[in-house]
Amino acid sequence: MRKKKKGRKLSRERNQRIALLKTLASALFLKEKIRTTQAKAKEVSGFTEKFISKSKKKDLASRRELLRFFSKKIVKKLIDEIAPRYQNRSGGYSKIIKLGARKRDGAKMAIIELIK
């Protein structure tokens, strides 16, 4: 039973799942719009919102914590470009647009993008 279990497994082990979320979040921060499955989009949405909230602080501790997950290039973009955009916003930094099913396997697709 899944009592108080949070998050999706995404048919992966823990380390693979974390690596997947990191790469999806990195792509989202760099391109600001990615196309993926609905389940992955919903999962990466919450994952990225935490990092955007941390980057809004702009202190050394938050920068170091971000560097544990992302490269210097992504952290610089997060703190210098993305975080100031959401300074007056307390959440809801991304939106998910549902698309149709993928042709080859029927997976539900979605576009996740950062709100401008």
PDB file of N, CA and C in Angstrom:
ATOM      1  N   MET A   1       0.827  -1.186   0.000  1.00  0.00           N
ATOM      2  CA  MET A   1       0.000   0.000   0.000  1.00  0.00           C
ATOM      3  C   MET A   1       0.867   1.244   0.000  1.00  0.00           C
ATOM      4  N   ARG A   2       0.439   2.245  -0.724  1.00  0.00           N
ATOM      5  CA  ARG A   2       1.212   3.480  -0.874  1.00  0.00           C
ATOM      6  C   ARG A   2       0.754   4.543   0.111  1.00  0.00           C
ATOM      7  N   LYS A   3       0.830   4.261   1.375  1.00  0.00           N
ATOM      8  CA  LYS A   3       0.419   5.245   2.371  1.00  0.00           C
ATOM      9  C   LYS A   3       1.526   6.263   2.586  1.00  0.00           C
ATOM     10  N   LYS A   4       1.188   7.526   2.373  1.00  0.00           N
ATOM     11  CA  LYS A   4       2.105   8.644   2.558  1.00  0.00           C
ATOM     12  C   LYS A   4       3.376   8.529   1.721  1.00  0.00           C
ATOM     13  N   LYS A   5       3.302   7.819   0.602  1.00  0.00           N
ATOM     14  CA  LYS A   5       4.431   7.723  -0.324  1.00  0.00           C
ATOM     15  C   LYS A   5       4.254   8.802  -1.368  1.00  0.00           C
ATOM     16  N   LYS A   6       5.281   9.598  -1.552  1.00  0.00           N
ATOM     17  CA  LYS A   6       5.181  10.754  -2.418  1.00  0.00           C
ATOM     18  C   LYS A   6       6.002  10.526  -3.686  1.00  0.00           C
ATOM     19  N   GLY A   7       5.506  10.969  -4.809  1.00  0.00           N
ATOM     20  CA  GLY A   7       6.265  10.918  -6.054  1.00  0.00           C
ATOM     21  C   GLY A   7       5.961   9.691  -6.887  1.00  0.00           C
ATOM     22  N   ARG A   8       6.466   9.732  -8.105  1.00  0.00           N
ATOM     23  CA  ARG A   8       6.278   8.638  -9.054  1.00  0.00           C
ATOM     24  C   ARG A   8       7.570   7.852  -9.195  1.00  0.00           C
ATOM     25  N   LYS A   9       7.451   6.563  -9.471  1.00  0.00           N
ATOM     26  CA  LYS A   9       8.626   5.712  -9.652  1.00  0.00           C
ATOM     27  C   LYS A   9       9.229   5.857 -11.041  1.00  0.00           C
ATOM     28  N   LEU A  10       8.401   6.112 -12.043  1.00  0.00           N
ATOM     29  CA  LEU A  10       8.828   6.264 -13.430  1.00  0.00           C
ATOM     30  C   LEU A  10       9.576   5.036 -13.952  1.00  0.00           C
ATOM     31  N   SER A  11       9.250   3.866 -13.430  1.00  0.00           N
ATOM     32  CA  SER A  11       9.849   2.586 -13.843  1.00  0.00           C
ATOM     33  C   SER A  11      11.371   2.602 -13.746  1.00  0.00           C
ATOM     34  N   ARG A  12      11.907   3.237 -12.718  1.00  0.00           N
ATOM     35  CA  ARG A  12      13.353   3.334 -12.532  1.00  0.00           C
ATOM     36  C   ARG A  12      13.709   3.154 -11.074  1.00  0.00           C
ATOM     37  N   GLU A  13      14.965   2.764 -10.852  1.00  0.00           N
ATOM     38  CA  GLU A  13      15.479   2.703  -9.491  1.00  0.00           C
ATOM     39  C   GLU A  13      15.772   4.123  -9.013  1.00  0.00           C
ATOM     40  N   ARG A  14      16.036   4.258  -7.736  1.00  0.00           N
ATOM     41  CA  ARG A  14      16.185   5.572  -7.120  1.00  0.00           C
ATOM     42  C   ARG A  14      17.248   6.436  -7.802  1.00  0.00           C
ATOM     43  N   ASN A  15      18.440   5.895  -8.000  1.00  0.00           N
ATOM     44  CA  ASN A  15      19.531   6.683  -8.583  1.00  0.00           C
ATOM     45  C   ASN A  15      19.230   7.086 -10.023  1.00  0.00           C
ATOM     46  N   GLN A  16      18.648   6.170 -10.782  1.00  0.00           N
ATOM     47  CA  GLN A  16      18.286   6.474 -12.164  1.00  0.00           C
ATOM     48  C   GLN A  16      17.197   7.532 -12.224  1.00  0.00           C
ATOM     49  N   ARG A  17      16.256   7.457 -11.286  1.00  0.00           N
ATOM     50  CA  ARG A  17      15.156   8.415 -11.236  1.00  0.00           C
ATOM     51  C   ARG A  17      15.675   9.823 -10.917  1.00  0.00           C
ATOM     52  N   ILE A  18      16.595   9.913  -9.959  1.00  0.00           N
ATOM     53  CA  ILE A  18      17.176  11.207  -9.599  1.00  0.00           C
ATOM     54  C   ILE A  18      17.980  11.770 -10.774  1.00  0.00           C
ATOM     55  N   ALA A  19      18.738  10.909 -11.464  1.00  0.00           N
ATOM     56  CA  ALA A  19      19.510  11.350 -12.622  1.00  0.00           C
ATOM     57  C   ALA A  19      18.589  11.849 -13.734  1.00  0.00           C
ATOM     58  N   LEU A  20      17.480  11.161 -13.947  1.00  0.00           N
ATOM     59  CA  LEU A  20      16.505  11.583 -14.949  1.00  0.00           C
ATOM     60  C   LEU A  20      15.929  12.948 -14.605  1.00  0.00           C
ATOM     61  N   LEU A  21      15.548  13.146 -13.351  1.00  0.00           N
ATOM     62  CA  LEU A  21      14.982  14.422 -12.930  1.00  0.00           C
ATOM     63  C   LEU A  21      16.002  15.553 -13.061  1.00  0.00           C
ATOM     64  N   LYS A  22      17.272  15.264 -12.746  1.00  0.00           N
ATOM     65  CA  LYS A  22      18.321  16.276 -12.889  1.00  0.00           C
ATOM     66  C   LYS A  22      18.488  16.702 -14.344  1.00  0.00           C
ATOM     67  N   THR A  23      18.506  15.721 -15.250  1.00  0.00           N
ATOM     68  CA  THR A  23      18.701  16.058 -16.660  1.00  0.00           C
ATOM     69  C   THR A  23      17.486  16.791 -17.228  1.00  0.00           C
ATOM     70  N   LEU A  24      16.283  16.379 -16.835  1.00  0.00           N
ATOM     71  CA  LEU A  24      15.089  17.082 -17.294  1.00  0.00           C
ATOM     72  C   LEU A  24      15.059  18.513 -16.760  1.00  0.00           C
ATOM     73  N   ALA A  25      15.417  18.687 -15.494  1.00  0.00           N
ATOM     74  CA  ALA A  25      15.445  20.019 -14.893  1.00  0.00           C
ATOM     75  C   ALA A  25      16.518  20.886 -15.562  1.00  0.00           C
ATOM     76  N   SER A  26      17.679  20.309 -15.840  1.00  0.00           N
ATOM     77  CA  SER A  26      18.746  21.058 -16.513  1.00  0.00           C
ATOM     78  C   SER A  26      18.289  21.532 -17.883  1.00  0.00           C
ATOM     79  N   ALA A  27      17.639  20.643 -18.630  1.00  0.00           N
ATOM     80  CA  ALA A  27      17.152  21.005 -19.956  1.00  0.00           C
ATOM     81  C   ALA A  27      16.078  22.090 -19.855  1.00  0.00           C
ATOM     82  N   LEU A  28      15.227  21.982 -18.849  1.00  0.00           N
ATOM     83  CA  LEU A  28      14.175  22.979 -18.663  1.00  0.00           C
ATOM     84  C   LEU A  28      14.761  24.350 -18.321  1.00  0.00           C
ATOM     85  N   PHE A  29      15.782  24.373 -17.475  1.00  0.00           N
ATOM     86  CA  PHE A  29      16.397  25.645 -17.112  1.00  0.00           C
ATOM     87  C   PHE A  29      17.145  26.270 -18.292  1.00  0.00           C
ATOM     88  N   LEU A  30      17.792  25.446 -19.112  1.00  0.00           N
ATOM     89  CA  LEU A  30      18.539  25.974 -20.254  1.00  0.00           C
ATOM     90  C   LEU A  30      17.615  26.426 -21.383  1.00  0.00           C
ATOM     91  N   LYS A  31      16.664  25.571 -21.754  1.00  0.00           N
ATOM     92  CA  LYS A  31      15.803  25.862 -22.909  1.00  0.00           C
ATOM     93  C   LYS A  31      14.493  26.546 -22.525  1.00  0.00           C
ATOM     94  N   GLU A  32      14.105  26.450 -21.259  1.00  0.00           N
ATOM     95  CA  GLU A  32      12.882  27.030 -20.695  1.00  0.00           C
ATOM     96  C   GLU A  32      11.598  26.415 -21.251  1.00  0.00           C
ATOM     97  N   LYS A  33      11.729  25.358 -22.058  1.00  0.00           N
ATOM     98  CA  LYS A  33      10.557  24.671 -22.599  1.00  0.00           C
ATOM     99  C   LYS A  33      11.013  23.307 -23.131  1.00  0.00           C
ATOM    100  N   ILE A  34      10.422  22.224 -22.615  1.00  0.00           N
ATOM    101  CA  ILE A  34      10.785  20.891 -23.092  1.00  0.00           C
ATOM    102  C   ILE A  34       9.527  20.061 -23.326  1.00  0.00           C
ATOM    103  N   ARG A  35       9.676  19.047 -24.155  1.00  0.00           N
ATOM    104  CA  ARG A  35       8.576  18.130 -24.452  1.00  0.00           C
ATOM    105  C   ARG A  35       8.926  16.766 -23.874  1.00  0.00           C
ATOM    106  N   THR A  36       8.021  16.215 -23.072  1.00  0.00           N
ATOM    107  CA  THR A  36       8.255  14.934 -22.414  1.00  0.00           C
ATOM    108  C   THR A  36       6.900  14.280 -22.127  1.00  0.00           C
ATOM    109  N   THR A  37       6.914  13.153 -21.428  1.00  0.00           N
ATOM    110  CA  THR A  37       5.649  12.510 -21.088  1.00  0.00           C
ATOM    111  C   THR A  37       4.978  13.270 -19.944  1.00  0.00           C
ATOM    112  N   GLN A  38       3.677  13.067 -19.786  1.00  0.00           N
ATOM    113  CA  GLN A  38       2.938  13.785 -18.743  1.00  0.00           C
ATOM    114  C   GLN A  38       3.436  13.442 -17.350  1.00  0.00           C
ATOM    115  N   ALA A  39       3.715  12.165 -17.100  1.00  0.00           N
ATOM    116  CA  ALA A  39       4.166  11.748 -15.774  1.00  0.00           C
ATOM    117  C   ALA A  39       5.502  12.401 -15.426  1.00  0.00           C
ATOM    118  N   LYS A  40       6.425  12.408 -16.390  1.00  0.00           N
ATOM    119  CA  LYS A  40       7.730  13.039 -16.151  1.00  0.00           C
ATOM    120  C   LYS A  40       7.579  14.545 -15.968  1.00  0.00           C
ATOM    121  N   ALA A  41       6.697  15.156 -16.746  1.00  0.00           N
ATOM    122  CA  ALA A  41       6.480  16.603 -16.634  1.00  0.00           C
ATOM    123  C   ALA A  41       5.933  16.969 -15.263  1.00  0.00           C
ATOM    124  N   LYS A  42       4.975  16.190 -14.765  1.00  0.00           N
ATOM    125  CA  LYS A  42       4.400  16.471 -13.451  1.00  0.00           C
ATOM    126  C   LYS A  42       5.437  16.289 -12.353  1.00  0.00           C
ATOM    127  N   GLU A  43       6.283  15.300 -12.504  1.00  0.00           N
ATOM    128  CA  GLU A  43       7.297  15.032 -11.484  1.00  0.00           C
ATOM    129  C   GLU A  43       8.398  16.097 -11.498  1.00  0.00           C
ATOM    130  N   VAL A  44       8.845  16.489 -12.680  1.00  0.00           N
ATOM    131  CA  VAL A  44       9.931  17.469 -12.773  1.00  0.00           C
ATOM    132  C   VAL A  44       9.447  18.868 -12.392  1.00  0.00           C
ATOM    133  N   SER A  45       8.152  19.114 -12.484  1.00  0.00           N
ATOM    134  CA  SER A  45       7.604  20.418 -12.128  1.00  0.00           C
ATOM    135  C   SER A  45       7.880  20.750 -10.660  1.00  0.00           C
ATOM    136  N   GLY A  46       7.541  19.843  -9.773  1.00  0.00           N
ATOM    137  CA  GLY A  46       7.798  20.059  -8.349  1.00  0.00           C
ATOM    138  C   GLY A  46       9.275  20.109  -8.024  1.00  0.00           C
ATOM    139  N   PHE A  47      10.054  19.287  -8.754  1.00  0.00           N
ATOM    140  CA  PHE A  47      11.500  19.222  -8.561  1.00  0.00           C
ATOM    141  C   PHE A  47      12.148  20.564  -8.893  1.00  0.00           C
ATOM    142  N   THR A  48      11.713  21.195  -9.992  1.00  0.00           N
ATOM    143  CA  THR A  48      12.313  22.462 -10.409  1.00  0.00           C
ATOM    144  C   THR A  48      11.853  23.638  -9.558  1.00  0.00           C
ATOM    145  N   GLU A  49      10.625  23.566  -9.071  1.00  0.00           N
ATOM    146  CA  GLU A  49      10.096  24.679  -8.274  1.00  0.00           C
ATOM    147  C   GLU A  49      10.918  24.876  -6.999  1.00  0.00           C
ATOM    148  N   LYS A  50      11.378  23.788  -6.414  1.00  0.00           N
ATOM    149  CA  LYS A  50      12.210  23.894  -5.208  1.00  0.00           C
ATOM    150  C   LYS A  50      13.503  24.638  -5.506  1.00  0.00           C
ATOM    151  N   PHE A  51      14.107  24.351  -6.661  1.00  0.00           N
ATOM    152  CA  PHE A  51      15.376  24.981  -7.004  1.00  0.00           C
ATOM    153  C   PHE A  51      15.207  26.450  -7.367  1.00  0.00           C
ATOM    154  N   ILE A  52      14.120  26.794  -7.991  1.00  0.00           N
ATOM    155  CA  ILE A  52      13.873  28.205  -8.313  1.00  0.00           C
ATOM    156  C   ILE A  52      13.665  28.996  -7.020  1.00  0.00           C
ATOM    157  N   SER A  53      12.947  28.398  -6.066  1.00  0.00           N
ATOM    158  CA  SER A  53      12.747  29.067  -4.773  1.00  0.00           C
ATOM    159  C   SER A  53      14.064  29.257  -4.040  1.00  0.00           C
ATOM    160  N   LYS A  54      14.950  28.269  -4.123  1.00  0.00           N
ATOM    161  CA  LYS A  54      16.263  28.385  -3.485  1.00  0.00           C
ATOM    162  C   LYS A  54      17.108  29.456  -4.172  1.00  0.00           C
ATOM    163  N   SER A  55      17.022  29.533  -5.491  1.00  0.00           N
ATOM    164  CA  SER A  55      17.850  30.491  -6.222  1.00  0.00           C
ATOM    165  C   SER A  55      17.398  31.935  -6.003  1.00  0.00           C
ATOM    166  N   LYS A  56      16.169  32.136  -5.551  1.00  0.00           N
ATOM    167  CA  LYS A  56      15.686  33.488  -5.277  1.00  0.00           C
ATOM    168  C   LYS A  56      16.396  34.124  -4.089  1.00  0.00           C
ATOM    169  N   LYS A  57      16.986  33.318  -3.197  1.00  0.00           N
ATOM    170  CA  LYS A  57      17.685  33.855  -2.032  1.00  0.00           C
ATOM    171  C   LYS A  57      18.990  34.544  -2.425  1.00  0.00           C
ATOM    172  N   LYS A  58      19.685  34.016  -3.430  1.00  0.00           N
ATOM    173  CA  LYS A  58      20.937  34.580  -3.959  1.00  0.00           C
ATOM    174  C   LYS A  58      22.064  34.646  -2.926  1.00  0.00           C
ATOM    175  N   ASP A  59      22.084  33.763  -1.952  1.00  0.00           N
ATOM    176  CA  ASP A  59      23.196  33.750  -1.000  1.00  0.00           C
ATOM    177  C   ASP A  59      24.133  32.586  -1.314  1.00  0.00           C
ATOM    178  N   LEU A  60      25.254  32.548  -0.631  1.00  0.00           N
ATOM    179  CA  LEU A  60      26.286  31.556  -0.900  1.00  0.00           C
ATOM    180  C   LEU A  60      25.801  30.137  -0.602  1.00  0.00           C
ATOM    181  N   ALA A  61      25.058  29.975   0.462  1.00  0.00           N
ATOM    182  CA  ALA A  61      24.582  28.643   0.840  1.00  0.00           C
ATOM    183  C   ALA A  61      23.644  28.066  -0.224  1.00  0.00           C
ATOM    184  N   SER A  62      22.749  28.873  -0.739  1.00  0.00           N
ATOM    185  CA  SER A  62      21.835  28.377  -1.773  1.00  0.00           C
ATOM    186  C   SER A  62      22.583  28.096  -3.074  1.00  0.00           C
ATOM    187  N   ARG A  63      23.580  28.926  -3.394  1.00  0.00           N
ATOM    188  CA  ARG A  63      24.394  28.698  -4.590  1.00  0.00           C
ATOM    189  C   ARG A  63      25.141  27.365  -4.486  1.00  0.00           C
ATOM    190  N   ARG A  64      25.692  27.075  -3.319  1.00  0.00           N
ATOM    191  CA  ARG A  64      26.407  25.811  -3.122  1.00  0.00           C
ATOM    192  C   ARG A  64      25.469  24.617  -3.207  1.00  0.00           C
ATOM    193  N   GLU A  65      24.278  24.775  -2.674  1.00  0.00           N
ATOM    194  CA  GLU A  65      23.307  23.690  -2.741  1.00  0.00           C
ATOM    195  C   GLU A  65      22.880  23.429  -4.185  1.00  0.00           C
ATOM    196  N   LEU A  66      22.720  24.474  -4.971  1.00  0.00           N
ATOM    197  CA  LEU A  66      22.378  24.315  -6.377  1.00  0.00           C
ATOM    198  C   LEU A  66      23.519  23.663  -7.154  1.00  0.00           C
ATOM    199  N   LEU A  67      24.757  23.986  -6.785  1.00  0.00           N
ATOM    200  CA  LEU A  67      25.914  23.407  -7.468  1.00  0.00           C
ATOM    201  C   LEU A  67      26.068  21.907  -7.205  1.00  0.00           C
ATOM    202  N   ARG A  68      25.412  21.403  -6.159  1.00  0.00           N
ATOM    203  CA  ARG A  68      25.425  19.957  -5.916  1.00  0.00           C
ATOM    204  C   ARG A  68      24.632  19.213  -6.994  1.00  0.00           C
ATOM    205  N   PHE A  69      23.653  19.897  -7.585  1.00  0.00           N
ATOM    206  CA  PHE A  69      22.785  19.248  -8.558  1.00  0.00           C
ATOM    207  C   PHE A  69      23.081  19.645 -10.003  1.00  0.00           C
ATOM    208  N   PHE A  70      23.497  20.895 -10.222  1.00  0.00           N
ATOM    209  CA  PHE A  70      23.622  21.408 -11.581  1.00  0.00           C
ATOM    210  C   PHE A  70      25.010  21.972 -11.842  1.00  0.00           C
ATOM    211  N   SER A  71      25.310  22.193 -13.121  1.00  0.00           N
ATOM    212  CA  SER A  71      26.601  22.757 -13.504  1.00  0.00           C
ATOM    213  C   SER A  71      26.629  24.258 -13.220  1.00  0.00           C
ATOM    214  N   LYS A  72      27.824  24.844 -13.310  1.00  0.00           N
ATOM    215  CA  LYS A  72      27.977  26.269 -13.037  1.00  0.00           C
ATOM    216  C   LYS A  72      27.164  27.119 -14.007  1.00  0.00           C
ATOM    217  N   LYS A  73      27.118  26.683 -15.257  1.00  0.00           N
ATOM    218  CA  LYS A  73      26.378  27.422 -16.283  1.00  0.00           C
ATOM    219  C   LYS A  73      24.886  27.508 -15.943  1.00  0.00           C
ATOM    220  N   ILE A  74      24.319  26.395 -15.503  1.00  0.00           N
ATOM    221  CA  ILE A  74      22.897  26.354 -15.170  1.00  0.00           C
ATOM    222  C   ILE A  74      22.620  27.159 -13.905  1.00  0.00           C
ATOM    223  N   VAL A  75      23.485  27.047 -12.903  1.00  0.00           N
ATOM    224  CA  VAL A  75      23.301  27.791 -11.656  1.00  0.00           C
ATOM    225  C   VAL A  75      23.389  29.293 -11.924  1.00  0.00           C
ATOM    226  N   LYS A  76      24.318  29.691 -12.772  1.00  0.00           N
ATOM    227  CA  LYS A  76      24.447  31.113 -13.123  1.00  0.00           C
ATOM    228  C   LYS A  76      23.167  31.615 -13.800  1.00  0.00           C
ATOM    229  N   LYS A  77      22.635  30.824 -14.729  1.00  0.00           N
ATOM    230  CA  LYS A  77      21.404  31.229 -15.404  1.00  0.00           C
ATOM    231  C   LYS A  77      20.235  31.274 -14.425  1.00  0.00           C
ATOM    232  N   LEU A  78      20.180  30.297 -13.515  1.00  0.00           N
ATOM    233  CA  LEU A  78      19.107  30.263 -12.514  1.00  0.00           C
ATOM    234  C   LEU A  78      19.115  31.514 -11.653  1.00  0.00           C
ATOM    235  N   ILE A  79      20.276  31.869 -11.133  1.00  0.00           N
ATOM    236  CA  ILE A  79      20.361  32.986 -10.191  1.00  0.00           C
ATOM    237  C   ILE A  79      20.278  34.341 -10.894  1.00  0.00           C
ATOM    238  N   ASP A  80      20.918  34.473 -12.071  1.00  0.00           N
ATOM    239  CA  ASP A  80      20.969  35.770 -12.743  1.00  0.00           C
ATOM    240  C   ASP A  80      19.759  36.080 -13.614  1.00  0.00           C
ATOM    241  N   GLU A  81      19.173  35.068 -14.261  1.00  0.00           N
ATOM    242  CA  GLU A  81      18.088  35.331 -15.208  1.00  0.00           C
ATOM    243  C   GLU A  81      16.722  34.846 -14.732  1.00  0.00           C
ATOM    244  N   ILE A  82      16.662  33.614 -14.257  1.00  0.00           N
ATOM    245  CA  ILE A  82      15.362  33.008 -13.947  1.00  0.00           C
ATOM    246  C   ILE A  82      14.802  33.496 -12.612  1.00  0.00           C
ATOM    247  N   ALA A  83      15.613  33.519 -11.568  1.00  0.00           N
ATOM    248  CA  ALA A  83      15.128  33.906 -10.236  1.00  0.00           C
ATOM    249  C   ALA A  83      14.585  35.337 -10.168  1.00  0.00           C
ATOM    250  N   PRO A  84      15.249  36.335 -10.769  1.00  0.00           N
ATOM    251  CA  PRO A  84      14.688  37.697 -10.699  1.00  0.00           C
ATOM    252  C   PRO A  84      13.313  37.825 -11.352  1.00  0.00           C
ATOM    253  N   ARG A  85      13.052  36.990 -12.333  1.00  0.00           N
ATOM    254  CA  ARG A  85      11.763  37.004 -13.023  1.00  0.00           C
ATOM    255  C   ARG A  85      10.611  36.655 -12.080  1.00  0.00           C
ATOM    256  N   TYR A  86      10.899  35.825 -11.067  1.00  0.00           N
ATOM    257  CA  TYR A  86       9.860  35.340 -10.153  1.00  0.00           C
ATOM    258  C   TYR A  86      10.001  35.911  -8.748  1.00  0.00           C
ATOM    259  N   GLN A  87      10.643  37.050  -8.603  1.00  0.00           N
ATOM    260  CA  GLN A  87      10.891  37.617  -7.279  1.00  0.00           C
ATOM    261  C   GLN A  87       9.597  37.912  -6.518  1.00  0.00           C
ATOM    262  N   ASN A  88       8.561  38.354  -7.196  1.00  0.00           N
ATOM    263  CA  ASN A  88       7.302  38.684  -6.531  1.00  0.00           C
ATOM    264  C   ASN A  88       6.298  37.542  -6.549  1.00  0.00           C
ATOM    265  N   ARG A  89       6.726  36.378  -6.982  1.00  0.00           N
ATOM    266  CA  ARG A  89       5.838  35.224  -7.108  1.00  0.00           C
ATOM    267  C   ARG A  89       6.234  34.179  -6.078  1.00  0.00           C
ATOM    268  N   SER A  90       5.248  33.580  -5.403  1.00  0.00           N
ATOM    269  CA  SER A  90       5.581  32.630  -4.332  1.00  0.00           C
ATOM    270  C   SER A  90       5.478  31.177  -4.756  1.00  0.00           C
ATOM    271  N   GLY A  91       5.237  30.909  -6.015  1.00  0.00           N
ATOM    272  CA  GLY A  91       5.173  29.529  -6.499  1.00  0.00           C
ATOM    273  C   GLY A  91       4.509  29.499  -7.858  1.00  0.00           C
ATOM    274  N   GLY A  92       4.407  28.307  -8.428  1.00  0.00           N
ATOM    275  CA  GLY A  92       3.788  28.163  -9.732  1.00  0.00           C
ATOM    276  C   GLY A  92       4.640  28.745 -10.834  1.00  0.00           C
ATOM    277  N   TYR A  93       5.907  28.314 -10.909  1.00  0.00           N
ATOM    278  CA  TYR A  93       6.844  28.871 -11.869  1.00  0.00           C
ATOM    279  C   TYR A  93       6.770  28.187 -13.226  1.00  0.00           C
ATOM    280  N   SER A  94       6.117  27.040 -13.295  1.00  0.00           N
ATOM    281  CA  SER A  94       6.051  26.311 -14.559  1.00  0.00           C
ATOM    282  C   SER A  94       4.612  25.936 -14.879  1.00  0.00           C
ATOM    283  N   LYS A  95       4.375  25.690 -16.171  1.00  0.00           N
ATOM    284  CA  LYS A  95       3.050  25.223 -16.563  1.00  0.00           C
ATOM    285  C   LYS A  95       3.202  24.040 -17.503  1.00  0.00           C
ATOM    286  N   ILE A  96       2.217  23.146 -17.447  1.00  0.00           N
ATOM    287  CA  ILE A  96       2.223  21.932 -18.248  1.00  0.00           C
ATOM    288  C   ILE A  96       1.081  22.026 -19.256  1.00  0.00           C
ATOM    289  N   ILE A  97       1.425  21.861 -20.519  1.00  0.00           N
ATOM    290  CA  ILE A  97       0.438  21.862 -21.589  1.00  0.00           C
ATOM    291  C   ILE A  97       0.343  20.435 -22.110  1.00  0.00           C
ATOM    292  N   LYS A  98      -0.835  19.831 -21.996  1.00  0.00           N
ATOM    293  CA  LYS A  98      -1.012  18.451 -22.415  1.00  0.00           C
ATOM    294  C   LYS A  98      -1.150  18.357 -23.926  1.00  0.00           C
ATOM    295  N   LEU A  99      -0.465  17.373 -24.497  1.00  0.00           N
ATOM    296  CA  LEU A  99      -0.537  17.099 -25.923  1.00  0.00           C
ATOM    297  C   LEU A  99      -1.238  15.758 -26.118  1.00  0.00           C
ATOM    298  N   GLY A 100      -1.305  15.290 -27.321  1.00  0.00           N
ATOM    299  CA  GLY A 100      -1.908  13.993 -27.598  1.00  0.00           C
ATOM    300  C   GLY A 100      -0.966  12.853 -27.246  1.00  0.00           C
ATOM    301  N   ALA A 101      -1.372  11.667 -27.624  1.00  0.00           N
ATOM    302  CA  ALA A 101      -0.566  10.477 -27.357  1.00  0.00           C
ATOM    303  C   ALA A 101       0.562  10.379 -28.385  1.00  0.00           C
ATOM    304  N   ARG A 102       1.694   9.829 -27.942  1.00  0.00           N
ATOM    305  CA  ARG A 102       2.817   9.596 -28.838  1.00  0.00           C
ATOM    306  C   ARG A 102       2.445   8.462 -29.791  1.00  0.00           C
ATOM    307  N   LYS A 103       2.817   8.585 -31.044  1.00  0.00           N
ATOM    308  CA  LYS A 103       2.354   7.654 -32.057  1.00  0.00           C
ATOM    309  C   LYS A 103       2.888   6.230 -31.860  1.00  0.00           C
ATOM    310  N   ARG A 104       4.165   6.099 -31.509  1.00  0.00           N
ATOM    311  CA  ARG A 104       4.742   4.756 -31.499  1.00  0.00           C
ATOM    312  C   ARG A 104       4.317   3.903 -30.318  1.00  0.00           C
ATOM    313  N   ASP A 105       4.153   4.494 -29.132  1.00  0.00           N
ATOM    314  CA  ASP A 105       3.781   3.668 -27.980  1.00  0.00           C
ATOM    315  C   ASP A 105       2.532   4.153 -27.239  1.00  0.00           C
ATOM    316  N   GLY A 106       1.954   5.258 -27.683  1.00  0.00           N
ATOM    317  CA  GLY A 106       0.716   5.730 -27.080  1.00  0.00           C
ATOM    318  C   GLY A 106       0.885   6.458 -25.760  1.00  0.00           C
ATOM    319  N   ALA A 107       2.117   6.840 -25.411  1.00  0.00           N
ATOM    320  CA  ALA A 107       2.352   7.556 -24.159  1.00  0.00           C
ATOM    321  C   ALA A 107       1.779   8.965 -24.244  1.00  0.00           C
ATOM    322  N   LYS A 108       1.165   9.421 -23.162  1.00  0.00           N
ATOM    323  CA  LYS A 108       0.611  10.769 -23.118  1.00  0.00           C
ATOM    324  C   LYS A 108       1.763  11.767 -23.030  1.00  0.00           C
ATOM    325  N   MET A 109       1.773  12.728 -23.938  1.00  0.00           N
ATOM    326  CA  MET A 109       2.861  13.687 -24.004  1.00  0.00           C
ATOM    327  C   MET A 109       2.420  15.044 -23.464  1.00  0.00           C
ATOM    328  N   ALA A 110       3.408  15.847 -23.084  1.00  0.00           N
ATOM    329  CA  ALA A 110       3.126  17.178 -22.553  1.00  0.00           C
ATOM    330  C   ALA A 110       4.328  18.081 -22.803  1.00  0.00           C
ATOM    331  N   ILE A 111       4.066  19.361 -22.812  1.00  0.00           N
ATOM    332  CA  ILE A 111       5.121  20.366 -22.864  1.00  0.00           C
ATOM    333  C   ILE A 111       5.141  21.055 -21.503  1.00  0.00           C
ATOM    334  N   ILE A 112       6.329  21.129 -20.914  1.00  0.00           N
ATOM    335  CA  ILE A 112       6.479  21.862 -19.657  1.00  0.00           C
ATOM    336  C   ILE A 112       7.349  23.075 -19.950  1.00  0.00           C
ATOM    337  N   GLU A 113       6.899  24.238 -19.482  1.00  0.00           N
ATOM    338  CA  GLU A 113       7.652  25.454 -19.741  1.00  0.00           C
ATOM    339  C   GLU A 113       7.605  26.373 -18.519  1.00  0.00           C
ATOM    340  N   LEU A 114       8.628  27.207 -18.423  1.00  0.00           N
ATOM    341  CA  LEU A 114       8.690  28.198 -17.365  1.00  0.00           C
ATOM    342  C   LEU A 114       7.797  29.376 -17.759  1.00  0.00           C
ATOM    343  N   ILE A 115       7.037  29.877 -16.811  1.00  0.00           N
ATOM    344  CA  ILE A 115       6.156  30.999 -17.083  1.00  0.00           C
ATOM    345  C   ILE A 115       6.996  32.249 -17.239  1.00  0.00           C
ATOM    346  N   LYS A 116       6.666  33.047 -18.230  1.00  0.00           N
ATOM    347  CA  LYS A 116       7.458  34.263 -18.525  1.00  0.00           C
ATOM    348  C   LYS A 116       7.072  35.410 -17.621  1.00  0.00           C
TER     349      LYS A 116
END
